[in-house]
Amino acid sequence: MFISSTGGHLTELLQLSSMFSKYDSYLVTEKTPSNLKLKDRYKKVFYLIYGTKDYPFTYPFKLMANCFKSLYLYFKIRPDFIITTGAHTAGPMCCLGKIFGSKIIYIETFANIHTKTVTGRLIYKFADLFLVQWESMLKLYPKAVCKGWIF
């Protein structure tokens, strides 16, 4: 399973799209008008509810709904691996995956060179493989692996 929030996180994740056809893979992201076209290009696409912390009143409810939807999708797909570039959409799925035995591969975002992301802080504690795209991030995540940019 490849999962990420929309926007830059999804753009980064799609850099790995050559892997989608090599494996029985699923793409999970947020449902936005621009993401609806993903179903035309990739066969197995699922959508979560789009939510942003810019709307603090509705965000917790959308996050909770996504937790339940993630639970449903997890048991529908039963992924061996969950590969993600973050953010909040991916957090619940990675937690579920860890509990139920999936391997978690987290790729910290290219956008951060000197600071941790919220999702990165959470998933670093239990990821099976934690990748950073900048050498400077190894100071913050000493057990991470730097393989360079995915762009």
C-alpha atoms as a PDB file:
ATOM      1  CA  MET A   1       0.000   0.000   0.000  1.00  0.00           C
ATOM      2  CA  PHE A   2       1.231   3.457  -0.918  1.00  0.00           C
ATOM      3  CA  ILE A   3      -0.464   6.170   1.161  1.00  0.00           C
ATOM      4  CA  SER A   4      -0.093   9.908   1.623  1.00  0.00           C
ATOM      5  CA  SER A   5      -1.964  13.127   2.079  1.00  0.00           C
ATOM      6  CA  THR A   6      -2.697  15.208  -0.968  1.00  0.00           C
ATOM      7  CA  GLY A   7      -0.396  17.943  -2.286  1.00  0.00           C
ATOM      8  CA  GLY A   8       3.370  17.737  -1.909  1.00  0.00           C
ATOM      9  CA  HIS A   9       3.299  14.462   0.012  1.00  0.00           C
ATOM     10  CA  LEU A  10       1.359  12.832  -2.813  1.00  0.00           C
ATOM     11  CA  THR A  11       3.647  14.375  -5.432  1.00  0.00           C
ATOM     12  CA  GLU A  12       6.595  12.762  -3.659  1.00  0.00           C
ATOM     13  CA  LEU A  13       4.834   9.418  -3.337  1.00  0.00           C
ATOM     14  CA  LEU A  14       3.958   9.397  -7.035  1.00  0.00           C
ATOM     15  CA  GLN A  15       7.688   9.547  -7.792  1.00  0.00           C
ATOM     16  CA  LEU A  16       7.584   5.872  -6.813  1.00  0.00           C
ATOM     17  CA  SER A  17       4.757   5.052  -9.250  1.00  0.00           C
ATOM     18  CA  SER A  18       7.003   2.788 -11.330  1.00  0.00           C
ATOM     19  CA  MET A  19       6.774   0.391  -8.369  1.00  0.00           C
ATOM     20  CA  PHE A  20       2.964   0.345  -8.466  1.00  0.00           C
ATOM     21  CA  SER A  21       2.786  -2.033 -11.422  1.00  0.00           C
ATOM     22  CA  LYS A  22       5.605  -4.276 -10.161  1.00  0.00           C
ATOM     23  CA  TYR A  23       3.590  -5.268  -7.095  1.00  0.00           C
ATOM     24  CA  ASP A  24      -0.031  -5.884  -6.220  1.00  0.00           C
ATOM     25  CA  SER A  25      -0.292  -2.333  -4.909  1.00  0.00           C
ATOM     26  CA  TYR A  26      -2.933   0.123  -3.809  1.00  0.00           C
ATOM     27  CA  LEU A  27      -2.768   3.897  -3.693  1.00  0.00           C
ATOM     28  CA  VAL A  28      -4.557   5.674  -0.849  1.00  0.00           C
ATOM     29  CA  THR A  29      -4.841   9.450  -0.614  1.00  0.00           C
ATOM     30  CA  GLU A  30      -7.373  12.156   0.147  1.00  0.00           C
ATOM     31  CA  LYS A  31     -10.350  12.793  -2.069  1.00  0.00           C
ATOM     32  CA  THR A  32      -9.938  16.149  -3.787  1.00  0.00           C
ATOM     33  CA  PRO A  33     -11.023  17.262  -7.273  1.00  0.00           C
ATOM     34  CA  SER A  34      -7.436  17.041  -8.536  1.00  0.00           C
ATOM     35  CA  ASN A  35      -6.972  13.517  -7.159  1.00  0.00           C
ATOM     36  CA  LEU A  36     -10.053  12.003  -8.797  1.00  0.00           C
ATOM     37  CA  LYS A  37      -8.068  11.564 -12.021  1.00  0.00           C
ATOM     38  CA  LEU A  38      -5.709   9.144 -10.262  1.00  0.00           C
ATOM     39  CA  LYS A  39      -8.270   6.393 -10.892  1.00  0.00           C
ATOM     40  CA  ASP A  40      -7.754   6.899 -14.637  1.00  0.00           C
ATOM     41  CA  ARG A  41      -4.033   6.214 -14.340  1.00  0.00           C
ATOM     42  CA  TYR A  42      -3.806   3.699 -11.508  1.00  0.00           C
ATOM     43  CA  LYS A  43      -6.102   0.716 -11.107  1.00  0.00           C
ATOM     44  CA  LYS A  44      -6.420   0.428  -7.349  1.00  0.00           C
ATOM     45  CA  VAL A  45      -7.035   3.825  -5.775  1.00  0.00           C
ATOM     46  CA  PHE A  46      -8.907   4.518  -2.558  1.00  0.00           C
ATOM     47  CA  TYR A  47      -9.766   7.874  -1.075  1.00  0.00           C
ATOM     48  CA  LEU A  48      -9.921   9.165   2.476  1.00  0.00           C
ATOM     49  CA  ILE A  49     -11.670  12.351   3.557  1.00  0.00           C
ATOM     50  CA  TYR A  50      -9.734  15.517   2.840  1.00  0.00           C
ATOM     51  CA  GLY A  51      -8.952  17.423   6.001  1.00  0.00           C
ATOM     52  CA  THR A  52      -6.572  20.150   6.996  1.00  0.00           C
ATOM     53  CA  LYS A  53      -5.494  21.582  10.325  1.00  0.00           C
ATOM     54  CA  ASP A  54      -6.368  25.015   8.910  1.00  0.00           C
ATOM     55  CA  TYR A  55      -9.939  24.260  10.023  1.00  0.00           C
ATOM     56  CA  PRO A  56      -9.462  23.338  13.687  1.00  0.00           C
ATOM     57  CA  PHE A  57     -13.159  22.772  14.398  1.00  0.00           C
ATOM     58  CA  THR A  58     -13.806  20.170  11.670  1.00  0.00           C
ATOM     59  CA  TYR A  59     -10.330  18.614  11.488  1.00  0.00           C
ATOM     60  CA  PRO A  60     -10.657  16.324  14.551  1.00  0.00           C
ATOM     61  CA  PHE A  61     -13.930  14.913  13.206  1.00  0.00           C
ATOM     62  CA  LYS A  62     -12.463  14.270   9.765  1.00  0.00           C
ATOM     63  CA  LEU A  63      -9.374  12.695  11.320  1.00  0.00           C
ATOM     64  CA  MET A  64     -11.561  10.399  13.415  1.00  0.00           C
ATOM     65  CA  ALA A  65     -13.645   9.449  10.375  1.00  0.00           C
ATOM     66  CA  ASN A  66     -10.422   8.690   8.491  1.00  0.00           C
ATOM     67  CA  CYS A  67      -9.290   6.440  11.334  1.00  0.00           C
ATOM     68  CA  PHE A  68     -12.421   4.320  10.883  1.00  0.00           C
ATOM     69  CA  LYS A  69     -12.109   4.391   7.111  1.00  0.00           C
ATOM     70  CA  SER A  70      -8.449   3.393   7.428  1.00  0.00           C
ATOM     71  CA  LEU A  71      -9.448   0.448   9.592  1.00  0.00           C
ATOM     72  CA  TYR A  72     -11.909  -0.677   6.918  1.00  0.00           C
ATOM     73  CA  LEU A  73      -9.347  -0.258   4.125  1.00  0.00           C
ATOM     74  CA  TYR A  74      -6.641  -2.012   6.097  1.00  0.00           C
ATOM     75  CA  PHE A  75      -8.723  -5.150   6.514  1.00  0.00           C
ATOM     76  CA  LYS A  76      -9.973  -4.963   2.937  1.00  0.00           C
ATOM     77  CA  ILE A  77      -6.445  -4.752   1.493  1.00  0.00           C
ATOM     78  CA  ARG A  78      -4.340  -6.416   4.231  1.00  0.00           C
ATOM     79  CA  PRO A  79      -1.055  -4.931   2.979  1.00  0.00           C
ATOM     80  CA  ASP A  80       2.272  -6.610   3.654  1.00  0.00           C
ATOM     81  CA  PHE A  81       3.979  -3.220   3.351  1.00  0.00           C
ATOM     82  CA  ILE A  82       2.792   0.340   3.904  1.00  0.00           C
ATOM     83  CA  ILE A  83       4.956   2.920   2.155  1.00  0.00           C
ATOM     84  CA  THR A  84       4.278   6.554   2.923  1.00  0.00           C
ATOM     85  CA  THR A  85       5.588  10.072   2.585  1.00  0.00           C
ATOM     86  CA  GLY A  86       3.184  11.268   5.306  1.00  0.00           C
ATOM     87  CA  ALA A  87       1.285  13.302   6.628  1.00  0.00           C
ATOM     88  CA  HIS A  88      -1.780  13.095   8.849  1.00  0.00           C
ATOM     89  CA  THR A  89      -3.720  10.807   6.473  1.00  0.00           C
ATOM     90  CA  ALA A  90      -0.981   8.191   6.699  1.00  0.00           C
ATOM     91  CA  GLY A  91      -0.518   8.227  10.472  1.00  0.00           C
ATOM     92  CA  PRO A  92      -3.541   6.128  11.434  1.00  0.00           C
ATOM     93  CA  MET A  93      -2.889   3.610   8.654  1.00  0.00           C
ATOM     94  CA  CYS A  94       0.719   3.148   9.728  1.00  0.00           C
ATOM     95  CA  CYS A  95      -0.347   2.641  13.344  1.00  0.00           C
ATOM     96  CA  LEU A  96      -2.889   0.024  12.267  1.00  0.00           C
ATOM     97  CA  GLY A  97      -0.332  -1.629  10.042  1.00  0.00           C
ATOM     98  CA  LYS A  98       2.172  -1.907  12.853  1.00  0.00           C
ATOM     99  CA  ILE A  99      -0.410  -3.405  15.199  1.00  0.00           C
ATOM    100  CA  PHE A 100      -1.497  -5.995  12.628  1.00  0.00           C
ATOM    101  CA  GLY A 101       1.922  -6.954  11.271  1.00  0.00           C
ATOM    102  CA  SER A 102       2.561  -4.890   8.136  1.00  0.00           C
ATOM    103  CA  LYS A 103       6.065  -3.572   7.494  1.00  0.00           C
ATOM    104  CA  ILE A 104       6.165   0.236   7.612  1.00  0.00           C
ATOM    105  CA  ILE A 105       8.408   2.237   5.289  1.00  0.00           C
ATOM    106  CA  TYR A 106       8.313   5.956   5.951  1.00  0.00           C
ATOM    107  CA  ILE A 107       9.961   8.547   3.715  1.00  0.00           C
ATOM    108  CA  GLU A 108      10.376  11.890   5.483  1.00  0.00           C
ATOM    109  CA  THR A 109       9.374  14.733   3.224  1.00  0.00           C
ATOM    110  CA  PHE A 110      11.831  16.440   0.917  1.00  0.00           C
ATOM    111  CA  ALA A 111      10.531  19.808   2.158  1.00  0.00           C
ATOM    112  CA  ASN A 112      12.119  19.441   5.579  1.00  0.00           C
ATOM    113  CA  ILE A 113      15.860  19.869   5.774  1.00  0.00           C
ATOM    114  CA  HIS A 114      16.338  20.778   9.444  1.00  0.00           C
ATOM    115  CA  THR A 115      13.086  19.979  11.275  1.00  0.00           C
ATOM    116  CA  LYS A 116      10.998  16.894  11.998  1.00  0.00           C
ATOM    117  CA  THR A 117       7.429  16.573  10.788  1.00  0.00           C
ATOM    118  CA  VAL A 118       4.672  15.657  13.235  1.00  0.00           C
ATOM    119  CA  THR A 119       3.970  12.383  11.436  1.00  0.00           C
ATOM    120  CA  GLY A 120       7.676  11.628  11.139  1.00  0.00           C
ATOM    121  CA  ARG A 121       8.085  11.988  14.909  1.00  0.00           C
ATOM    122  CA  LEU A 122       5.284   9.525  15.504  1.00  0.00           C
ATOM    123  CA  ILE A 123       6.209   6.904  12.920  1.00  0.00           C
ATOM    124  CA  TYR A 124       9.978   7.047  13.528  1.00  0.00           C
ATOM    125  CA  LYS A 125       9.411   5.186  16.790  1.00  0.00           C
ATOM    126  CA  PHE A 126       8.093   2.066  15.060  1.00  0.00           C
ATOM    127  CA  ALA A 127       8.888   2.209  11.336  1.00  0.00           C
ATOM    128  CA  ASP A 128      10.689  -0.830   9.956  1.00  0.00           C
ATOM    129  CA  LEU A 129      12.563   1.462   7.574  1.00  0.00           C
ATOM    130  CA  PHE A 130      12.711   5.218   8.014  1.00  0.00           C
ATOM    131  CA  LEU A 131      14.191   7.113   5.078  1.00  0.00           C
ATOM    132  CA  VAL A 132      15.300  10.730   4.933  1.00  0.00           C
ATOM    133  CA  GLN A 133      16.140  12.642   1.773  1.00  0.00           C
ATOM    134  CA  TRP A 134      18.734  14.978   3.276  1.00  0.00           C
ATOM    135  CA  GLU A 135      21.938  14.056   5.120  1.00  0.00           C
ATOM    136  CA  SER A 136      21.219  16.831   7.640  1.00  0.00           C
ATOM    137  CA  MET A 137      18.103  14.922   8.785  1.00  0.00           C
ATOM    138  CA  LEU A 138      20.251  12.071  10.112  1.00  0.00           C
ATOM    139  CA  LYS A 139      21.079  14.319  13.084  1.00  0.00           C
ATOM    140  CA  LEU A 140      17.385  14.368  13.977  1.00  0.00           C
ATOM    141  CA  TYR A 141      16.675  10.751  13.068  1.00  0.00           C
ATOM    142  CA  PRO A 142      19.892   8.836  13.860  1.00  0.00           C
ATOM    143  CA  LYS A 143      18.456   5.407  12.986  1.00  0.00           C
ATOM    144  CA  ALA A 144      17.197   6.644   9.596  1.00  0.00           C
ATOM    145  CA  VAL A 145      18.734   5.816   6.245  1.00  0.00           C
ATOM    146  CA  CYS A 146      19.552   8.522   3.724  1.00  0.00           C
ATOM    147  CA  LYS A 147      19.177   7.379   0.127  1.00  0.00           C
ATOM    148  CA  GLY A 148      18.909  10.846  -1.394  1.00  0.00           C
ATOM    149  CA  TRP A 149      16.008  12.508  -3.131  1.00  0.00           C
ATOM    150  CA  ILE A 150      13.124  10.625  -4.670  1.00  0.00           C
ATOM    151  CA  PHE A 151      12.669  13.392  -7.255  1.00  0.00           C
END
